[in-house]
Amino acid sequence: MGYVVSATWTAQPGQEDVVLDAIEKLTPASRQEPGNRFYQAYQDPSEPATFRLFEIYDDEAAYAAHGASEHFKQYALDQAIPVLASRERAFFETIG
């Protein structure tokens, strides 16, 4: 089974470019993590402040390693998250 994370990041007004830049830098590094199976961010053009991230890891430990990585600290914790109006996460397991 895979450990699935569905995250929604909503940027504060005027901070959309900061969040987009962070996601563009975070994505390739996250995809290279040993326990990462899938990492895709997306944005609805009609809601430019809202960013969604869909991630699949081998297990919860691999997700924890992602959260402890230097690239997550640099681009998520230090760059994007401080300029978010809201941050939501939901966790699931794959079937089959």
N, C-alpha and C. Protein backbone atom coordinates (compact mmCIF):
# COMPACT_ATOMS: atom_id res chain seq x y z
N MET A 1 0.83 -1.19 0.00
CA MET A 1 0.00 0.00 0.00
C MET A 1 0.87 1.24 0.00
N GLY A 2 0.33 2.29 -0.54
CA GLY A 2 1.01 3.57 -0.54
C GLY A 2 0.37 4.52 0.46
N TYR A 3 1.15 5.46 0.93
CA TYR A 3 0.69 6.49 1.86
C TYR A 3 0.44 7.75 1.03
N VAL A 4 -0.81 8.20 1.00
CA VAL A 4 -1.23 9.29 0.13
C VAL A 4 -1.43 10.56 0.95
N VAL A 5 -0.92 11.66 0.41
CA VAL A 5 -1.11 12.97 1.03
C VAL A 5 -1.75 13.89 0.00
N SER A 6 -2.83 14.52 0.39
CA SER A 6 -3.48 15.52 -0.43
C SER A 6 -3.42 16.83 0.35
N ALA A 7 -2.69 17.80 -0.18
CA ALA A 7 -2.49 19.06 0.52
C ALA A 7 -3.05 20.21 -0.31
N THR A 8 -3.58 21.20 0.38
CA THR A 8 -4.05 22.42 -0.26
C THR A 8 -3.37 23.60 0.42
N TRP A 9 -2.68 24.38 -0.36
CA TRP A 9 -2.03 25.59 0.12
C TRP A 9 -2.71 26.78 -0.52
N THR A 10 -3.16 27.71 0.29
CA THR A 10 -3.78 28.93 -0.22
C THR A 10 -2.89 30.11 0.14
N ALA A 11 -2.41 30.80 -0.86
CA ALA A 11 -1.50 31.92 -0.66
C ALA A 11 -2.24 33.15 -0.15
N GLN A 12 -1.57 33.93 0.65
CA GLN A 12 -2.09 35.23 1.04
C GLN A 12 -2.16 36.09 -0.22
N PRO A 13 -3.06 37.08 -0.26
CA PRO A 13 -3.15 37.94 -1.45
C PRO A 13 -1.80 38.55 -1.80
N GLY A 14 -1.44 38.46 -3.08
CA GLY A 14 -0.19 39.01 -3.56
C GLY A 14 1.02 38.11 -3.37
N GLN A 15 0.85 36.95 -2.75
CA GLN A 15 1.97 36.05 -2.48
C GLN A 15 1.97 34.80 -3.36
N GLU A 16 1.12 34.79 -4.37
CA GLU A 16 1.00 33.62 -5.24
C GLU A 16 2.32 33.25 -5.92
N ASP A 17 3.07 34.24 -6.37
CA ASP A 17 4.34 33.97 -7.07
C ASP A 17 5.38 33.36 -6.12
N VAL A 18 5.36 33.76 -4.86
CA VAL A 18 6.29 33.21 -3.87
C VAL A 18 6.00 31.72 -3.67
N VAL A 19 4.72 31.39 -3.54
CA VAL A 19 4.33 30.00 -3.33
C VAL A 19 4.62 29.18 -4.59
N LEU A 20 4.28 29.70 -5.74
CA LEU A 20 4.55 28.99 -6.99
C LEU A 20 6.04 28.72 -7.16
N ASP A 21 6.88 29.69 -6.89
CA ASP A 21 8.32 29.51 -6.98
C ASP A 21 8.79 28.40 -6.04
N ALA A 22 8.28 28.39 -4.82
CA ALA A 22 8.66 27.36 -3.85
C ALA A 22 8.26 25.98 -4.35
N ILE A 23 7.05 25.85 -4.86
CA ILE A 23 6.57 24.55 -5.35
C ILE A 23 7.39 24.09 -6.56
N GLU A 24 7.72 25.01 -7.45
CA GLU A 24 8.52 24.65 -8.62
C GLU A 24 9.91 24.14 -8.23
N LYS A 25 10.45 24.63 -7.12
CA LYS A 25 11.75 24.18 -6.64
C LYS A 25 11.63 22.91 -5.80
N LEU A 26 10.54 22.80 -5.06
CA LEU A 26 10.32 21.65 -4.18
C LEU A 26 10.01 20.37 -4.96
N THR A 27 9.30 20.49 -6.05
CA THR A 27 8.82 19.33 -6.79
C THR A 27 9.92 18.40 -7.28
N PRO A 28 10.92 18.88 -8.03
CA PRO A 28 11.92 17.93 -8.54
C PRO A 28 12.71 17.24 -7.43
N ALA A 29 13.02 17.97 -6.36
CA ALA A 29 13.76 17.36 -5.25
C ALA A 29 12.90 16.31 -4.54
N SER A 30 11.63 16.59 -4.39
CA SER A 30 10.73 15.64 -3.73
C SER A 30 10.57 14.37 -4.55
N ARG A 31 10.53 14.51 -5.85
CA ARG A 31 10.39 13.34 -6.73
C ARG A 31 11.60 12.43 -6.67
N GLN A 32 12.73 12.95 -6.23
CA GLN A 32 13.96 12.16 -6.15
C GLN A 32 14.11 11.42 -4.82
N GLU A 33 13.24 11.68 -3.87
CA GLU A 33 13.33 11.01 -2.56
C GLU A 33 13.12 9.51 -2.73
N PRO A 34 13.89 8.69 -2.01
CA PRO A 34 13.79 7.24 -2.16
C PRO A 34 12.39 6.67 -1.93
N GLY A 35 11.62 7.20 -1.00
CA GLY A 35 10.31 6.66 -0.69
C GLY A 35 9.16 7.33 -1.42
N ASN A 36 9.48 8.22 -2.36
CA ASN A 36 8.42 8.93 -3.09
C ASN A 36 8.03 8.15 -4.33
N ARG A 37 6.75 7.93 -4.51
CA ARG A 37 6.23 7.26 -5.71
C ARG A 37 5.65 8.25 -6.70
N PHE A 38 5.08 9.36 -6.18
CA PHE A 38 4.41 10.33 -7.06
C PHE A 38 4.33 11.65 -6.33
N TYR A 39 4.58 12.74 -7.04
CA TYR A 39 4.50 14.08 -6.44
C TYR A 39 4.07 15.03 -7.54
N GLN A 40 2.86 15.58 -7.42
CA GLN A 40 2.36 16.47 -8.45
C GLN A 40 1.59 17.62 -7.82
N ALA A 41 2.01 18.82 -8.13
CA ALA A 41 1.27 20.01 -7.71
C ALA A 41 0.44 20.49 -8.89
N TYR A 42 -0.67 21.14 -8.60
CA TYR A 42 -1.49 21.69 -9.66
C TYR A 42 -2.25 22.89 -9.15
N GLN A 43 -2.74 23.69 -10.09
CA GLN A 43 -3.38 24.96 -9.78
C GLN A 43 -4.51 25.19 -10.77
N ASP A 44 -5.65 25.60 -10.26
CA ASP A 44 -6.79 25.95 -11.10
C ASP A 44 -6.63 27.40 -11.54
N PRO A 45 -6.55 27.67 -12.83
CA PRO A 45 -6.38 29.05 -13.28
C PRO A 45 -7.46 30.01 -12.76
N SER A 46 -8.64 29.50 -12.45
CA SER A 46 -9.69 30.37 -11.92
C SER A 46 -9.51 30.66 -10.43
N GLU A 47 -8.59 29.93 -9.77
CA GLU A 47 -8.28 30.14 -8.35
C GLU A 47 -6.75 30.22 -8.21
N PRO A 48 -6.13 31.29 -8.69
CA PRO A 48 -4.66 31.32 -8.72
C PRO A 48 -3.98 31.32 -7.36
N ALA A 49 -4.69 31.61 -6.31
CA ALA A 49 -4.09 31.60 -4.97
C ALA A 49 -4.08 30.21 -4.34
N THR A 50 -4.81 29.26 -4.96
CA THR A 50 -4.93 27.93 -4.38
C THR A 50 -4.08 26.93 -5.14
N PHE A 51 -3.22 26.26 -4.39
CA PHE A 51 -2.32 25.25 -4.94
C PHE A 51 -2.65 23.92 -4.28
N ARG A 52 -2.71 22.88 -5.08
CA ARG A 52 -2.97 21.55 -4.53
C ARG A 52 -1.78 20.64 -4.84
N LEU A 53 -1.45 19.82 -3.88
CA LEU A 53 -0.35 18.88 -4.05
C LEU A 53 -0.86 17.48 -3.77
N PHE A 54 -0.57 16.56 -4.68
CA PHE A 54 -0.97 15.17 -4.53
C PHE A 54 0.32 14.36 -4.47
N GLU A 55 0.50 13.62 -3.38
CA GLU A 55 1.75 12.92 -3.13
C GLU A 55 1.47 11.48 -2.72
N ILE A 56 2.32 10.57 -3.17
CA ILE A 56 2.23 9.17 -2.74
C ILE A 56 3.63 8.73 -2.32
N TYR A 57 3.70 8.13 -1.14
CA TYR A 57 4.95 7.63 -0.57
C TYR A 57 4.82 6.14 -0.30
N ASP A 58 5.95 5.47 -0.14
CA ASP A 58 5.94 4.05 0.17
C ASP A 58 5.19 3.77 1.47
N ASP A 59 5.39 4.65 2.45
CA ASP A 59 4.76 4.47 3.75
C ASP A 59 4.83 5.80 4.53
N GLU A 60 4.30 5.80 5.73
CA GLU A 60 4.28 7.01 6.53
C GLU A 60 5.69 7.47 6.90
N ALA A 61 6.60 6.53 7.07
CA ALA A 61 7.99 6.88 7.38
C ALA A 61 8.64 7.65 6.22
N ALA A 62 8.32 7.28 5.00
CA ALA A 62 8.85 7.99 3.84
C ALA A 62 8.30 9.41 3.78
N TYR A 63 7.04 9.57 4.16
CA TYR A 63 6.46 10.92 4.22
C TYR A 63 7.14 11.74 5.32
N ALA A 64 7.41 11.12 6.46
CA ALA A 64 8.11 11.82 7.55
C ALA A 64 9.50 12.25 7.09
N ALA A 65 10.17 11.40 6.32
CA ALA A 65 11.50 11.74 5.79
C ALA A 65 11.39 12.94 4.84
N HIS A 66 10.34 12.98 4.05
CA HIS A 66 10.10 14.14 3.17
C HIS A 66 9.99 15.41 4.00
N GLY A 67 9.20 15.36 5.07
CA GLY A 67 9.01 16.52 5.92
C GLY A 67 10.27 16.95 6.66
N ALA A 68 11.23 16.04 6.81
CA ALA A 68 12.48 16.34 7.49
C ALA A 68 13.61 16.71 6.52
N SER A 69 13.31 16.66 5.22
CA SER A 69 14.35 16.90 4.22
C SER A 69 14.76 18.38 4.19
N GLU A 70 15.98 18.61 3.73
CA GLU A 70 16.48 19.99 3.63
C GLU A 70 15.69 20.79 2.61
N HIS A 71 15.30 20.16 1.48
CA HIS A 71 14.54 20.90 0.48
C HIS A 71 13.14 21.26 0.98
N PHE A 72 12.53 20.40 1.79
CA PHE A 72 11.22 20.75 2.36
C PHE A 72 11.38 21.93 3.31
N LYS A 73 12.42 21.89 4.14
CA LYS A 73 12.65 22.99 5.06
C LYS A 73 12.84 24.29 4.29
N GLN A 74 13.70 24.26 3.27
CA GLN A 74 14.02 25.47 2.54
C GLN A 74 12.83 26.04 1.76
N TYR A 75 12.16 25.20 1.00
CA TYR A 75 11.13 25.71 0.09
C TYR A 75 9.73 25.74 0.69
N ALA A 76 9.39 24.77 1.53
CA ALA A 76 8.06 24.75 2.14
C ALA A 76 8.05 25.55 3.44
N LEU A 77 8.85 25.11 4.41
CA LEU A 77 8.78 25.73 5.74
C LEU A 77 9.29 27.17 5.75
N ASP A 78 10.38 27.43 5.04
CA ASP A 78 10.96 28.78 5.10
C ASP A 78 10.41 29.74 4.05
N GLN A 79 9.98 29.22 2.89
CA GLN A 79 9.54 30.11 1.82
C GLN A 79 8.03 30.17 1.67
N ALA A 80 7.38 29.03 1.45
CA ALA A 80 5.95 29.05 1.10
C ALA A 80 5.04 29.19 2.32
N ILE A 81 5.22 28.34 3.30
CA ILE A 81 4.28 28.28 4.43
C ILE A 81 4.13 29.63 5.16
N PRO A 82 5.19 30.42 5.33
CA PRO A 82 5.00 31.71 6.00
C PRO A 82 4.07 32.68 5.26
N VAL A 83 3.86 32.48 3.96
CA VAL A 83 3.00 33.40 3.21
C VAL A 83 1.66 32.76 2.82
N LEU A 84 1.31 31.66 3.48
CA LEU A 84 0.03 31.02 3.22
C LEU A 84 -1.06 31.61 4.11
N ALA A 85 -2.24 31.74 3.53
CA ALA A 85 -3.43 32.11 4.32
C ALA A 85 -3.98 30.87 5.01
N SER A 86 -3.83 29.70 4.35
CA SER A 86 -4.27 28.44 4.96
C SER A 86 -3.49 27.28 4.37
N ARG A 87 -3.44 26.21 5.15
CA ARG A 87 -2.76 24.98 4.73
C ARG A 87 -3.57 23.82 5.28
N GLU A 88 -4.01 22.95 4.38
CA GLU A 88 -4.79 21.79 4.77
C GLU A 88 -4.11 20.53 4.24
N ARG A 89 -4.18 19.45 5.03
CA ARG A 89 -3.63 18.17 4.59
C ARG A 89 -4.60 17.07 4.96
N ALA A 90 -4.69 16.08 4.09
CA ALA A 90 -5.49 14.89 4.35
C ALA A 90 -4.62 13.69 3.99
N PHE A 91 -4.79 12.59 4.74
CA PHE A 91 -3.94 11.43 4.59
C PHE A 91 -4.79 10.20 4.29
N PHE A 92 -4.28 9.36 3.37
CA PHE A 92 -5.02 8.18 2.92
C PHE A 92 -4.07 7.03 2.68
N GLU A 93 -4.61 5.86 2.41
CA GLU A 93 -3.82 4.71 1.97
C GLU A 93 -4.40 4.22 0.66
N THR A 94 -3.53 3.79 -0.24
CA THR A 94 -4.02 3.26 -1.51
C THR A 94 -4.67 1.89 -1.29
N ILE A 95 -5.47 1.52 -2.25
CA ILE A 95 -6.14 0.21 -2.21
C ILE A 95 -5.53 -0.64 -3.32
N GLY A 96 -5.12 -1.83 -2.95
CA GLY A 96 -4.60 -2.77 -3.94
C GLY A 96 -3.22 -2.50 -4.41
